[in-house]
Amino acid sequence: MKKITIAIDGHSSCGKSTMAKQLAKQLGYIYIDTGAMYRAVTLYAMNNDMISDTKEVNVAALQSVIDDINISFRLNPDTRMPDIYLNGINVEKEIRSIEVSNYVSHIAVLPFVREAMVAQQRNMGKDKGVVMDGRDIGTTVFPDAELKIFVTASAEVRAQRRYDELMSKGMPADYSVILKNVIERDYIDSHREVSPLRAADDALFLDNSSMTLEQQNEWLLTQCERVIAASCDQR
């Protein structure tokens, strides 16, 4: 069966990663979490004193090493899901902290960071058969993707999901802090000069505020099967 590229964009904490992972598993595709890539760069900057407590980034220092920051994904034998590696080190848990969440938009907005990550993302998806989620996949990374989905949900619902996720992992969480972070990230992501968050003109909208995981997975799979079938008919 012909393979396609599936781009899933949307606001933070919409569950894009969860749905993209499940969809990739069902289709036998490769899953690439681009948001995790920007989180990994943020973690690198934090670990190397390139970002201050006031969110001031040492742009020159980060730019001087950006080409040395390598992001990769490897299948976790226990979870059967891909974990993210930063220069060969598994940082899947570290990048999910609220500290990284607080800083990531200030790193992701930098043009040279986006340029470097987009280049890595395009290389990862050059052979199709990928499900990629992020903020600008359908508009910048893969504007020719056969299927584009834009996911949204209310800020309150997204904050609650993030809170529940952190609590389930035994990580400290404060709902009010998370809600503030979600709203702040929405504004920054939508107003940055380079690749701002927006839906591609041909994207399908999915508001999952009131949907169960089963309902959204069924909806996604239906859309994929429709597009894959149409692609095969055109050959």
C-alpha atoms as a PDB file:
ATOM      1  CA  MET A   1       0.000   0.000   0.000  1.00  0.00           C
ATOM      2  CA  LYS A   2       1.231   3.483  -0.855  1.00  0.00           C
ATOM      3  CA  LYS A   3       2.671   5.393   2.102  1.00  0.00           C
ATOM      4  CA  ILE A   4       1.871   9.035   2.782  1.00  0.00           C
ATOM      5  CA  THR A   5       3.103  11.837   5.026  1.00  0.00           C
ATOM      6  CA  ILE A   6       0.757  12.804   7.862  1.00  0.00           C
ATOM      7  CA  ALA A   7       1.219  16.236   9.462  1.00  0.00           C
ATOM      8  CA  ILE A   8      -0.471  16.906  12.802  1.00  0.00           C
ATOM      9  CA  ASP A   9      -0.265  20.504  14.033  1.00  0.00           C
ATOM     10  CA  GLY A  10      -2.013  22.364  16.814  1.00  0.00           C
ATOM     11  CA  HIS A  11      -1.807  24.067  20.169  1.00  0.00           C
ATOM     12  CA  SER A  12       0.309  22.800  23.046  1.00  0.00           C
ATOM     13  CA  SER A  13      -1.058  20.039  25.294  1.00  0.00           C
ATOM     14  CA  CYS A  14      -3.772  19.005  22.828  1.00  0.00           C
ATOM     15  CA  GLY A  15      -2.657  15.404  22.985  1.00  0.00           C
ATOM     16  CA  LYS A  16      -1.022  15.585  19.550  1.00  0.00           C
ATOM     17  CA  SER A  17       1.832  13.315  20.562  1.00  0.00           C
ATOM     18  CA  THR A  18      -0.451  10.669  22.054  1.00  0.00           C
ATOM     19  CA  MET A  19      -2.701  10.526  19.007  1.00  0.00           C
ATOM     20  CA  ALA A  20       0.222  10.645  16.567  1.00  0.00           C
ATOM     21  CA  LYS A  21       1.988   7.778  18.357  1.00  0.00           C
ATOM     22  CA  GLN A  22      -1.146   5.653  18.305  1.00  0.00           C
ATOM     23  CA  LEU A  23      -1.841   6.443  14.663  1.00  0.00           C
ATOM     24  CA  ALA A  24       1.725   5.590  13.631  1.00  0.00           C
ATOM     25  CA  LYS A  25       1.472   2.308  15.515  1.00  0.00           C
ATOM     26  CA  GLN A  26      -1.791   1.402  13.780  1.00  0.00           C
ATOM     27  CA  LEU A  27      -0.436   2.241  10.332  1.00  0.00           C
ATOM     28  CA  GLY A  28       3.038   0.828  10.868  1.00  0.00           C
ATOM     29  CA  TYR A  29       4.492   4.302  10.245  1.00  0.00           C
ATOM     30  CA  ILE A  30       7.404   6.104  11.900  1.00  0.00           C
ATOM     31  CA  TYR A  31       6.386   8.655  14.549  1.00  0.00           C
ATOM     32  CA  ILE A  32       8.377  11.888  14.931  1.00  0.00           C
ATOM     33  CA  ASP A  33       7.602  14.258  17.821  1.00  0.00           C
ATOM     34  CA  THR A  34       8.946  17.614  16.625  1.00  0.00           C
ATOM     35  CA  GLY A  35       7.823  19.405  19.777  1.00  0.00           C
ATOM     36  CA  ALA A  36      10.100  17.078  21.716  1.00  0.00           C
ATOM     37  CA  MET A  37      12.960  18.157  19.470  1.00  0.00           C
ATOM     38  CA  TYR A  38      12.551  21.803  20.505  1.00  0.00           C
ATOM     39  CA  ARG A  39      12.252  20.674  24.107  1.00  0.00           C
ATOM     40  CA  ALA A  40      15.546  18.806  23.734  1.00  0.00           C
ATOM     41  CA  VAL A  41      17.272  21.927  22.415  1.00  0.00           C
ATOM     42  CA  THR A  42      15.791  23.845  25.354  1.00  0.00           C
ATOM     43  CA  LEU A  43      17.116  21.237  27.779  1.00  0.00           C
ATOM     44  CA  TYR A  44      20.545  21.559  26.153  1.00  0.00           C
ATOM     45  CA  ALA A  45      20.445  25.341  26.600  1.00  0.00           C
ATOM     46  CA  MET A  46      19.373  24.985  30.236  1.00  0.00           C
ATOM     47  CA  ASN A  47      22.066  22.420  31.027  1.00  0.00           C
ATOM     48  CA  ASN A  48      24.738  24.610  29.459  1.00  0.00           C
ATOM     49  CA  ASP A  49      23.725  27.895  31.123  1.00  0.00           C
ATOM     50  CA  MET A  50      22.461  29.441  27.897  1.00  0.00           C
ATOM     51  CA  ILE A  51      19.116  30.591  29.297  1.00  0.00           C
ATOM     52  CA  SER A  52      18.555  32.583  32.478  1.00  0.00           C
ATOM     53  CA  ASP A  53      15.861  32.387  35.135  1.00  0.00           C
ATOM     54  CA  THR A  54      14.280  35.425  33.473  1.00  0.00           C
ATOM     55  CA  LYS A  55      14.114  33.529  30.149  1.00  0.00           C
ATOM     56  CA  GLU A  56      16.905  35.532  28.521  1.00  0.00           C
ATOM     57  CA  VAL A  57      18.643  33.331  25.948  1.00  0.00           C
ATOM     58  CA  ASN A  58      22.370  33.574  25.199  1.00  0.00           C
ATOM     59  CA  VAL A  59      21.662  33.551  21.485  1.00  0.00           C
ATOM     60  CA  ALA A  60      25.288  33.774  20.329  1.00  0.00           C
ATOM     61  CA  ALA A  61      26.343  30.821  22.483  1.00  0.00           C
ATOM     62  CA  LEU A  62      23.451  28.637  21.346  1.00  0.00           C
ATOM     63  CA  GLN A  63      23.892  29.551  17.696  1.00  0.00           C
ATOM     64  CA  SER A  64      27.582  28.629  17.854  1.00  0.00           C
ATOM     65  CA  VAL A  65      26.731  25.031  18.822  1.00  0.00           C
ATOM     66  CA  ILE A  66      23.381  24.447  17.089  1.00  0.00           C
ATOM     67  CA  ASP A  67      24.954  22.293  14.368  1.00  0.00           C
ATOM     68  CA  ASP A  68      26.391  20.041  17.070  1.00  0.00           C
ATOM     69  CA  ILE A  69      22.993  19.351  18.623  1.00  0.00           C
ATOM     70  CA  ASN A  70      21.790  16.049  17.206  1.00  0.00           C
ATOM     71  CA  ILE A  71      18.280  14.802  17.847  1.00  0.00           C
ATOM     72  CA  SER A  72      17.248  11.207  17.197  1.00  0.00           C
ATOM     73  CA  PHE A  73      14.447   8.819  18.090  1.00  0.00           C
ATOM     74  CA  ARG A  74      14.864   5.191  19.138  1.00  0.00           C
ATOM     75  CA  LEU A  75      12.219   2.584  19.855  1.00  0.00           C
ATOM     76  CA  ASN A  76      11.843   1.816  23.561  1.00  0.00           C
ATOM     77  CA  PRO A  77      11.718  -2.005  23.858  1.00  0.00           C
ATOM     78  CA  ASP A  78       9.469  -1.802  26.939  1.00  0.00           C
ATOM     79  CA  THR A  79       6.889   0.756  25.773  1.00  0.00           C
ATOM     80  CA  ARG A  80       7.239   0.006  22.041  1.00  0.00           C
ATOM     81  CA  MET A  81       7.194   3.768  21.538  1.00  0.00           C
ATOM     82  CA  PRO A  82      10.031   6.055  20.370  1.00  0.00           C
ATOM     83  CA  ASP A  83      12.133   7.845  22.975  1.00  0.00           C
ATOM     84  CA  ILE A  84      14.035  11.022  22.137  1.00  0.00           C
ATOM     85  CA  TYR A  85      17.820  11.172  22.389  1.00  0.00           C
ATOM     86  CA  LEU A  86      19.922  14.325  22.707  1.00  0.00           C
ATOM     87  CA  ASN A  87      23.421  13.716  21.384  1.00  0.00           C
ATOM     88  CA  GLY A  88      23.038  10.016  22.137  1.00  0.00           C
ATOM     89  CA  ILE A  89      21.505  10.382  25.625  1.00  0.00           C
ATOM     90  CA  ASN A  90      17.879   9.444  26.399  1.00  0.00           C
ATOM     91  CA  VAL A  91      16.126  12.603  27.646  1.00  0.00           C
ATOM     92  CA  GLU A  92      12.505  11.474  27.203  1.00  0.00           C
ATOM     93  CA  LYS A  93      11.622  12.169  30.851  1.00  0.00           C
ATOM     94  CA  GLU A  94      13.753  15.280  31.362  1.00  0.00           C
ATOM     95  CA  ILE A  95      12.197  17.237  28.481  1.00  0.00           C
ATOM     96  CA  ARG A  96       8.661  16.847  29.909  1.00  0.00           C
ATOM     97  CA  SER A  97       9.324  18.917  33.054  1.00  0.00           C
ATOM     98  CA  ILE A  98       7.452  22.150  33.726  1.00  0.00           C
ATOM     99  CA  GLU A  99      10.819  23.979  33.714  1.00  0.00           C
ATOM    100  CA  VAL A 100      11.414  22.992  30.096  1.00  0.00           C
ATOM    101  CA  SER A 101       7.789  23.908  29.286  1.00  0.00           C
ATOM    102  CA  ASN A 102       8.369  27.386  30.702  1.00  0.00           C
ATOM    103  CA  TYR A 103      11.393  28.006  28.479  1.00  0.00           C
ATOM    104  CA  VAL A 104      10.721  26.103  25.249  1.00  0.00           C
ATOM    105  CA  SER A 105       8.786  28.834  23.423  1.00  0.00           C
ATOM    106  CA  HIS A 106      11.694  31.242  23.946  1.00  0.00           C
ATOM    107  CA  ILE A 107      14.058  28.766  22.284  1.00  0.00           C
ATOM    108  CA  ALA A 108      11.680  27.583  19.547  1.00  0.00           C
ATOM    109  CA  VAL A 109      11.104  31.154  18.364  1.00  0.00           C
ATOM    110  CA  LEU A 110      14.764  31.572  17.326  1.00  0.00           C
ATOM    111  CA  PRO A 111      15.124  31.396  13.503  1.00  0.00           C
ATOM    112  CA  PHE A 112      18.405  29.448  13.503  1.00  0.00           C
ATOM    113  CA  VAL A 113      16.967  26.858  15.890  1.00  0.00           C
ATOM    114  CA  ARG A 114      13.914  26.354  13.683  1.00  0.00           C
ATOM    115  CA  GLU A 115      16.086  26.142  10.572  1.00  0.00           C
ATOM    116  CA  ALA A 116      18.270  23.444  12.130  1.00  0.00           C
ATOM    117  CA  MET A 117      15.323  21.411  13.436  1.00  0.00           C
ATOM    118  CA  VAL A 118      13.336  21.670  10.194  1.00  0.00           C
ATOM    119  CA  ALA A 119      16.353  20.336   8.284  1.00  0.00           C
ATOM    120  CA  GLN A 120      16.557  17.353  10.651  1.00  0.00           C
ATOM    121  CA  GLN A 121      12.795  16.787  10.440  1.00  0.00           C
ATOM    122  CA  ARG A 122      12.743  16.801   6.638  1.00  0.00           C
ATOM    123  CA  ASN A 123      15.580  14.315   6.580  1.00  0.00           C
ATOM    124  CA  MET A 124      13.689  12.029   8.963  1.00  0.00           C
ATOM    125  CA  GLY A 125      10.561  12.099   6.801  1.00  0.00           C
ATOM    126  CA  LYS A 126      12.046  12.061   3.301  1.00  0.00           C
ATOM    127  CA  ASP A 127      10.888   8.489   2.561  1.00  0.00           C
ATOM    128  CA  LYS A 128       7.250   9.093   3.650  1.00  0.00           C
ATOM    129  CA  GLY A 129       5.428   6.630   5.884  1.00  0.00           C
ATOM    130  CA  VAL A 130       5.710   9.085   8.788  1.00  0.00           C
ATOM    131  CA  VAL A 131       3.380  10.727  11.267  1.00  0.00           C
ATOM    132  CA  MET A 132       4.898  14.010  12.416  1.00  0.00           C
ATOM    133  CA  ASP A 133       3.386  16.383  14.951  1.00  0.00           C
ATOM    134  CA  GLY A 134       4.312  19.898  15.977  1.00  0.00           C
ATOM    135  CA  ARG A 135       3.406  23.532  15.309  1.00  0.00           C
ATOM    136  CA  ASP A 136       4.430  24.067  11.666  1.00  0.00           C
ATOM    137  CA  ILE A 137       4.545  20.645  10.022  1.00  0.00           C
ATOM    138  CA  GLY A 138       1.776  21.236   7.496  1.00  0.00           C
ATOM    139  CA  THR A 139       2.808  24.814   6.745  1.00  0.00           C
ATOM    140  CA  THR A 140       6.623  24.747   6.797  1.00  0.00           C
ATOM    141  CA  VAL A 141       8.174  21.294   7.199  1.00  0.00           C
ATOM    142  CA  PHE A 142       5.915  19.294   4.871  1.00  0.00           C
ATOM    143  CA  PRO A 143       3.578  21.693   3.031  1.00  0.00           C
ATOM    144  CA  ASP A 144       2.933  18.921   0.481  1.00  0.00           C
ATOM    145  CA  ALA A 145       1.846  16.328   3.076  1.00  0.00           C
ATOM    146  CA  GLU A 146      -1.069  14.275   1.801  1.00  0.00           C
ATOM    147  CA  LEU A 147      -2.957  14.594   5.108  1.00  0.00           C
ATOM    148  CA  LYS A 148      -2.841  17.601   7.433  1.00  0.00           C
ATOM    149  CA  ILE A 149      -4.658  17.771  10.756  1.00  0.00           C
ATOM    150  CA  PHE A 150      -4.933  20.830  13.012  1.00  0.00           C
ATOM    151  CA  VAL A 151      -5.809  19.943  16.609  1.00  0.00           C
ATOM    152  CA  THR A 152      -7.208  22.298  19.222  1.00  0.00           C
ATOM    153  CA  ALA A 153      -8.953  22.259  22.606  1.00  0.00           C
ATOM    154  CA  SER A 154      -9.768  24.858  25.254  1.00  0.00           C
ATOM    155  CA  ALA A 155      -6.859  26.154  27.332  1.00  0.00           C
ATOM    156  CA  GLU A 156      -8.521  24.858  30.521  1.00  0.00           C
ATOM    157  CA  VAL A 157      -8.894  21.345  29.135  1.00  0.00           C
ATOM    158  CA  ARG A 158      -5.305  21.329  27.919  1.00  0.00           C
ATOM    159  CA  ALA A 159      -3.972  22.541  31.268  1.00  0.00           C
ATOM    160  CA  GLN A 160      -5.902  19.815  33.087  1.00  0.00           C
ATOM    161  CA  ARG A 161      -4.513  17.161  30.760  1.00  0.00           C
ATOM    162  CA  ARG A 162      -0.976  18.402  31.328  1.00  0.00           C
ATOM    163  CA  TYR A 163      -1.550  18.456  35.091  1.00  0.00           C
ATOM    164  CA  ASP A 164      -2.877  14.888  35.052  1.00  0.00           C
ATOM    165  CA  GLU A 165       0.060  13.730  32.937  1.00  0.00           C
ATOM    166  CA  LEU A 166       2.640  15.177  35.322  1.00  0.00           C
ATOM    167  CA  MET A 167       0.870  13.824  38.390  1.00  0.00           C
ATOM    168  CA  SER A 168       0.685  10.343  36.854  1.00  0.00           C
ATOM    169  CA  LYS A 169       4.449  10.444  36.412  1.00  0.00           C
ATOM    170  CA  GLY A 170       5.015  11.530  40.006  1.00  0.00           C
ATOM    171  CA  MET A 171       6.246  14.957  38.920  1.00  0.00           C
ATOM    172  CA  PRO A 172       5.330  18.187  40.773  1.00  0.00           C
ATOM    173  CA  ALA A 173       2.450  20.114  39.220  1.00  0.00           C
ATOM    174  CA  ASP A 174       0.349  23.220  39.886  1.00  0.00           C
ATOM    175  CA  TYR A 175      -2.744  23.661  37.699  1.00  0.00           C
ATOM    176  CA  SER A 176      -2.714  27.478  37.829  1.00  0.00           C
ATOM    177  CA  VAL A 177       0.953  27.592  36.791  1.00  0.00           C
ATOM    178  CA  ILE A 178       0.299  25.136  33.961  1.00  0.00           C
ATOM    179  CA  LEU A 179      -2.729  27.109  32.712  1.00  0.00           C
ATOM    180  CA  LYS A 180      -0.687  30.303  32.651  1.00  0.00           C
ATOM    181  CA  ASN A 181       2.052  28.492  30.736  1.00  0.00           C
ATOM    182  CA  VAL A 182      -0.446  27.115  28.189  1.00  0.00           C
ATOM    183  CA  ILE A 183      -1.900  30.570  27.498  1.00  0.00           C
ATOM    184  CA  GLU A 184       1.559  32.146  27.271  1.00  0.00           C
ATOM    185  CA  ARG A 185       2.783  29.479  24.851  1.00  0.00           C
ATOM    186  CA  ASP A 186      -0.302  29.919  22.656  1.00  0.00           C
ATOM    187  CA  TYR A 187       0.446  33.618  22.305  1.00  0.00           C
ATOM    188  CA  ILE A 188       4.161  33.177  21.627  1.00  0.00           C
ATOM    189  CA  ASP A 189       3.623  30.317  19.171  1.00  0.00           C
ATOM    190  CA  SER A 190       0.979  32.255  17.240  1.00  0.00           C
ATOM    191  CA  HIS A 191       2.879  35.560  17.114  1.00  0.00           C
ATOM    192  CA  ARG A 192       6.469  34.524  16.396  1.00  0.00           C
ATOM    193  CA  GLU A 193       7.973  35.878  13.167  1.00  0.00           C
ATOM    194  CA  VAL A 194       9.289  32.540  11.898  1.00  0.00           C
ATOM    195  CA  SER A 195       6.763  29.768  11.169  1.00  0.00           C
ATOM    196  CA  PRO A 196       3.978  31.006  13.475  1.00  0.00           C
ATOM    197  CA  LEU A 197       1.381  28.493  14.592  1.00  0.00           C
ATOM    198  CA  ARG A 198      -1.473  28.439  12.099  1.00  0.00           C
ATOM    199  CA  ALA A 199      -3.522  25.867  10.284  1.00  0.00           C
ATOM    200  CA  ALA A 200      -2.582  25.028   6.704  1.00  0.00           C
ATOM    201  CA  ASP A 201      -5.260  26.070   4.214  1.00  0.00           C
ATOM    202  CA  ASP A 202      -6.033  22.424   3.427  1.00  0.00           C
ATOM    203  CA  ALA A 203      -5.869  21.105   7.008  1.00  0.00           C
ATOM    204  CA  LEU A 204      -8.741  19.272   8.667  1.00  0.00           C
ATOM    205  CA  PHE A 205      -9.723  20.700  12.074  1.00  0.00           C
ATOM    206  CA  LEU A 206     -10.117  18.475  15.120  1.00  0.00           C
ATOM    207  CA  ASP A 207     -11.400  19.973  18.388  1.00  0.00           C
ATOM    208  CA  ASN A 208     -10.933  17.177  20.906  1.00  0.00           C
ATOM    209  CA  SER A 209     -12.063  19.098  24.001  1.00  0.00           C
ATOM    210  CA  SER A 210     -14.934  16.686  24.576  1.00  0.00           C
ATOM    211  CA  MET A 211     -13.663  13.605  22.780  1.00  0.00           C
ATOM    212  CA  THR A 212     -12.369  10.371  24.270  1.00  0.00           C
ATOM    213  CA  LEU A 213      -9.095   8.902  23.045  1.00  0.00           C
ATOM    214  CA  GLU A 214     -11.056   6.160  21.310  1.00  0.00           C
ATOM    215  CA  GLN A 215     -13.254   8.674  19.474  1.00  0.00           C
ATOM    216  CA  GLN A 216     -10.377  10.797  18.216  1.00  0.00           C
ATOM    217  CA  ASN A 217      -8.332   7.748  17.203  1.00  0.00           C
ATOM    218  CA  GLU A 218     -11.278   6.407  15.235  1.00  0.00           C
ATOM    219  CA  TRP A 219     -11.741   9.789  13.526  1.00  0.00           C
ATOM    220  CA  LEU A 220      -8.034  10.002  12.651  1.00  0.00           C
ATOM    221  CA  LEU A 221      -7.865   6.477  11.284  1.00  0.00           C
ATOM    222  CA  THR A 222     -10.925   7.131   9.117  1.00  0.00           C
ATOM    223  CA  GLN A 223      -9.292  10.238   7.619  1.00  0.00           C
ATOM    224  CA  CYS A 224      -6.051   8.353   6.973  1.00  0.00           C
ATOM    225  CA  GLU A 225      -7.767   5.438   5.281  1.00  0.00           C
ATOM    226  CA  ARG A 226      -9.704   7.855   3.065  1.00  0.00           C
ATOM    227  CA  VAL A 227      -6.591   9.746   1.951  1.00  0.00           C
ATOM    228  CA  ILE A 228      -4.489   6.597   1.467  1.00  0.00           C
ATOM    229  CA  ALA A 229      -7.245   5.040  -0.643  1.00  0.00           C
ATOM    230  CA  ALA A 230      -7.506   8.215  -2.744  1.00  0.00           C
ATOM    231  CA  SER A 231      -3.713   8.257  -3.222  1.00  0.00           C
ATOM    232  CA  CYS A 232      -3.774   4.658  -4.429  1.00  0.00           C
ATOM    233  CA  ASP A 233      -6.606   5.409  -6.894  1.00  0.00           C
ATOM    234  CA  GLN A 234      -4.533   8.221  -8.417  1.00  0.00           C
ATOM    235  CA  ARG A 235      -1.582   5.998  -9.264  1.00  0.00           C
END
